[in-house]
Amino acid sequence: MPYSLTDHIHEHEIEARLGVPVAFIPHVAVWFQGIHHTVSVPLAKEMTSREIRNLYQDRYAGEKLIKVTGEAPLVKNISGKQGVEVGGFGVHSSGKRVVVCATIDNLLKGAATQCLQNMNLALGYGEYDGIPLG
């Protein structure tokens, strides 16, 4: 699981040693099926975590395979499911970047589900036909 999305003590130590800003996001893990992504994104303007979450929720509203959450998603909650969970939205104390996390079951939502979606569309079926949504 990810923890301390911003301002982790080691982040400050590394910055002090290197003399440049770094984004350090620690993870603890014991898993087989799933991938966790932690992405540090520079911001063009200062925003709150809630504002960023709202942008994601608005952008992905109606997408059946994307779930936007407030908390950083955990691999154990997505394992065995076809979708992706996106969350976290930790804004750094500098106000200049946000950390966004995403998890997928790489044996399902990865290439397998995308293949089904593409085949369905190519053959004139509904995009989600045959894909468990839940």
Protein backbone atom coordinates (compact mmCIF):
# COMPACT_ATOMS: atom_id res chain seq x y z
CA MET A 1 0.00 0.00 0.00
CA PRO A 2 1.23 3.52 -0.63
CA TYR A 3 1.77 5.74 2.35
CA SER A 4 2.88 9.32 2.91
CA LEU A 5 2.05 10.47 -0.61
CA THR A 6 3.88 13.76 -0.10
CA ASP A 7 6.43 15.17 2.34
CA HIS A 8 7.80 11.81 3.49
CA ILE A 9 10.84 12.31 5.73
CA HIS A 10 13.11 10.53 3.23
CA GLU A 11 11.93 12.87 0.46
CA HIS A 12 13.29 15.82 2.46
CA GLU A 13 16.52 13.97 3.25
CA ILE A 14 17.09 13.09 -0.42
CA GLU A 15 16.38 16.66 -1.52
CA ALA A 16 18.86 17.98 1.05
CA ARG A 17 21.58 15.60 -0.18
CA LEU A 18 20.95 16.09 -3.91
CA GLY A 19 20.08 19.78 -3.81
CA VAL A 20 17.12 19.27 -6.18
CA PRO A 21 13.43 18.54 -5.63
CA VAL A 22 12.40 14.89 -5.76
CA ALA A 23 9.13 12.99 -5.53
CA PHE A 24 9.42 9.98 -3.24
CA ILE A 25 6.44 7.75 -2.63
CA PRO A 26 7.06 4.61 -0.58
CA HIS A 27 5.06 1.41 -1.04
CA VAL A 28 4.77 -1.78 0.93
CA ALA A 29 3.58 -4.81 -0.97
CA VAL A 30 2.97 -8.52 -1.06
CA TRP A 31 0.95 -9.32 -4.15
CA PHE A 32 0.86 -11.36 -7.30
CA GLN A 33 -2.05 -10.08 -9.36
CA GLY A 34 -2.15 -6.31 -9.71
CA ILE A 35 -0.15 -3.21 -10.44
CA HIS A 36 -0.03 -0.05 -8.38
CA HIS A 37 0.98 3.21 -10.04
CA THR A 38 2.05 6.31 -8.15
CA VAL A 39 2.39 9.36 -10.34
CA SER A 40 3.76 12.74 -9.31
CA VAL A 41 2.29 15.46 -11.52
CA PRO A 42 3.47 19.09 -11.62
CA LEU A 43 0.66 21.62 -11.31
CA ALA A 44 0.41 24.75 -13.50
CA LYS A 45 -1.48 26.48 -10.67
CA GLU A 46 -2.16 25.74 -7.03
CA MET A 47 -5.15 23.47 -6.51
CA THR A 48 -6.67 21.59 -3.61
CA SER A 49 -6.90 17.84 -3.46
CA ARG A 50 -10.67 18.10 -3.74
CA GLU A 51 -10.49 20.28 -6.87
CA ILE A 52 -8.23 17.74 -8.55
CA ARG A 53 -10.46 14.85 -7.51
CA ASN A 54 -13.46 16.71 -8.95
CA LEU A 55 -11.61 17.12 -12.27
CA TYR A 56 -11.03 13.36 -12.41
CA GLN A 57 -14.61 12.58 -11.38
CA ASP A 58 -16.00 14.92 -14.05
CA ARG A 59 -13.66 13.57 -16.75
CA TYR A 60 -14.45 9.91 -16.05
CA ALA A 61 -18.13 10.22 -15.15
CA GLY A 62 -20.02 7.42 -16.87
CA GLU A 63 -16.92 5.34 -17.56
CA LYS A 64 -17.92 1.87 -16.40
CA LEU A 65 -14.39 0.58 -15.82
CA ILE A 66 -12.95 3.62 -14.00
CA LYS A 67 -13.60 4.34 -10.33
CA VAL A 68 -12.31 7.59 -8.82
CA THR A 69 -11.83 7.48 -5.05
CA GLY A 70 -10.59 9.94 -2.46
CA GLU A 71 -8.14 7.54 -0.87
CA ALA A 72 -5.17 5.93 -2.58
CA PRO A 73 -6.48 2.65 -4.04
CA LEU A 74 -5.15 -0.70 -2.87
CA VAL A 75 -4.25 -3.63 -5.12
CA LYS A 76 -6.19 -6.04 -2.89
CA ASN A 77 -9.41 -4.14 -3.67
CA ILE A 78 -8.99 -4.38 -7.46
CA SER A 79 -7.69 -7.94 -7.73
CA GLY A 80 -10.12 -10.05 -9.75
CA LYS A 81 -11.89 -7.02 -11.23
CA GLN A 82 -11.75 -5.59 -14.74
CA GLY A 83 -11.58 -1.89 -13.86
CA VAL A 84 -9.09 0.64 -12.64
CA GLU A 85 -9.26 2.62 -9.42
CA VAL A 86 -7.72 6.10 -9.32
CA GLY A 87 -7.29 8.14 -6.15
CA GLY A 88 -5.01 9.65 -3.58
CA PHE A 89 -4.73 13.19 -4.91
CA GLY A 90 -2.16 14.27 -2.33
CA VAL A 91 -1.09 17.87 -2.97
CA HIS A 92 2.51 18.59 -1.95
CA SER A 93 3.12 21.29 0.67
CA SER A 94 4.76 23.44 -2.02
CA GLY A 95 1.44 23.44 -3.91
CA LYS A 96 3.38 22.69 -7.09
CA ARG A 97 2.55 19.01 -7.62
CA VAL A 98 -0.04 16.35 -6.93
CA VAL A 99 0.41 12.63 -6.41
CA VAL A 100 -2.20 10.43 -8.07
CA CYS A 101 -2.37 6.65 -7.56
CA ALA A 102 -4.00 4.00 -9.71
CA THR A 103 -4.36 0.23 -9.44
CA ILE A 104 -5.37 -2.35 -12.00
CA ASP A 105 -5.56 -6.09 -12.08
CA ASN A 106 -2.94 -6.56 -14.78
CA LEU A 107 -4.30 -10.01 -15.66
CA LEU A 108 -7.77 -8.58 -16.33
CA LYS A 109 -8.05 -4.84 -16.99
CA GLY A 110 -4.68 -4.93 -18.63
CA ALA A 111 -4.58 -6.29 -22.17
CA ALA A 112 -7.37 -8.87 -21.68
CA THR A 113 -10.25 -6.47 -21.02
CA GLN A 114 -8.95 -3.92 -23.53
CA CYS A 115 -8.86 -6.67 -26.14
CA LEU A 116 -12.49 -7.57 -25.40
CA GLN A 117 -13.54 -3.93 -25.62
CA ASN A 118 -11.78 -3.46 -28.96
CA MET A 119 -13.14 -6.73 -30.41
CA ASN A 120 -16.66 -5.84 -29.28
CA LEU A 121 -16.46 -2.45 -30.97
CA ALA A 122 -14.87 -3.84 -34.14
CA LEU A 123 -17.59 -6.49 -34.46
CA GLY A 124 -20.48 -4.14 -33.72
CA TYR A 125 -21.26 -5.32 -30.19
CA GLY A 126 -21.63 -3.13 -27.13
CA GLU A 127 -18.27 -2.07 -25.73
CA TYR A 128 -18.85 -3.85 -22.41
CA ASP A 129 -20.62 -7.00 -23.67
CA GLY A 130 -19.17 -10.06 -21.96
CA ILE A 131 -17.17 -8.01 -19.43
CA PRO A 132 -18.22 -8.35 -15.78
CA LEU A 133 -18.79 -4.85 -14.41
CA GLY A 134 -18.72 -4.97 -10.68
